[in-house]
Amino acid sequence: MNEVVYLDVKGMHCPDCPAKVERAISKMDGVTEVKVNLETENGCVMFNNNLTGVSDIIKRIDNMGFEAKVVQANTK
């Protein structure tokens, strides 16, 4: 089942940071789209929750040295 999660992503300091997060998350199984904005410190991830989960996405971002938390999650 497809799901969308909106995240706060803290700790990004330069224009390369969102691109790094997007590349890392887009490589995860089941992720179909990811967008991260430096100015708003927000991210949106669309994924198949049969292949990955919100906790896996947050863990990946946190392991990169950023801090992510759920703002809103929607099942499509």
Protein backbone atom coordinates (compact mmCIF):
# COMPACT_ATOMS: atom_id res chain seq x y z
CA MET A 1 0.00 0.00 0.00
CA ASN A 2 1.28 3.46 -0.86
CA GLU A 3 1.83 5.96 1.90
CA VAL A 4 3.01 9.56 2.13
CA VAL A 5 4.89 10.91 5.12
CA TYR A 6 5.73 14.54 5.79
CA LEU A 7 8.82 15.12 7.89
CA ASP A 8 10.64 17.90 9.69
CA VAL A 9 14.33 17.53 8.85
CA LYS A 10 16.64 19.52 11.12
CA GLY A 11 20.39 20.02 10.85
CA MET A 12 20.74 20.85 7.16
CA HIS A 13 23.18 23.72 6.63
CA CYS A 14 23.96 23.93 2.92
CA PRO A 15 22.26 23.42 -0.47
CA ASP A 16 23.89 19.98 -0.80
CA CYS A 17 22.20 18.62 2.33
CA PRO A 18 18.69 18.13 0.86
CA ALA A 19 20.18 16.48 -2.23
CA LYS A 20 22.15 14.05 -0.06
CA VAL A 21 19.03 13.14 1.91
CA GLU A 22 16.99 12.73 -1.29
CA ARG A 23 19.63 10.45 -2.85
CA ALA A 24 19.90 8.26 0.25
CA ILE A 25 16.16 7.89 0.75
CA SER A 26 15.39 7.34 -2.94
CA LYS A 27 17.68 4.28 -2.90
CA MET A 28 15.52 2.57 -0.27
CA ASP A 29 13.27 -0.28 -1.40
CA GLY A 30 9.73 0.91 -1.97
CA VAL A 31 10.46 4.64 -2.06
CA THR A 32 8.87 6.16 -5.16
CA GLU A 33 9.44 9.88 -4.56
CA VAL A 34 11.25 12.09 -2.08
CA LYS A 35 11.56 15.87 -1.86
CA VAL A 36 13.43 17.79 0.84
CA ASN A 37 13.49 21.58 1.19
CA LEU A 38 16.40 23.33 2.92
CA GLU A 39 14.57 26.60 3.63
CA THR A 40 11.48 25.06 5.23
CA GLU A 41 13.35 22.08 6.72
CA ASN A 42 10.54 19.84 5.47
CA GLY A 43 10.49 16.63 3.50
CA CYS A 44 7.88 14.51 1.78
CA VAL A 45 8.39 10.81 1.05
CA MET A 46 6.08 8.57 -0.97
CA PHE A 47 6.68 4.87 -0.41
CA ASN A 48 5.19 1.40 -0.43
CA ASN A 49 4.74 0.45 3.22
CA ASN A 50 4.98 -3.24 2.33
CA LEU A 51 8.65 -2.66 1.46
CA THR A 52 9.77 -0.01 3.95
CA GLY A 53 8.38 2.00 6.83
CA VAL A 54 8.44 5.45 8.35
CA SER A 55 10.81 4.33 11.10
CA ASP A 56 13.27 3.02 8.48
CA ILE A 57 13.18 6.35 6.63
CA ILE A 58 13.70 8.35 9.82
CA LYS A 59 16.53 6.06 10.90
CA ARG A 60 18.29 6.52 7.56
CA ILE A 61 18.04 10.32 7.82
CA ASP A 62 19.17 10.32 11.46
CA ASN A 63 22.14 8.10 10.60
CA MET A 64 23.24 10.77 8.12
CA GLY A 65 23.60 13.25 10.99
CA PHE A 66 20.27 15.03 10.59
CA GLU A 67 17.21 14.84 12.82
CA ALA A 68 13.90 13.78 11.30
CA LYS A 69 10.45 13.53 12.85
CA VAL A 70 6.98 12.91 11.45
CA VAL A 71 4.75 15.91 10.88
CA GLN A 72 1.97 14.03 9.12
CA ALA A 73 1.44 10.61 7.54
CA ASN A 74 -1.24 9.73 4.98
CA THR A 75 -2.22 6.40 3.50
CA LYS A 76 -3.23 6.57 -0.14
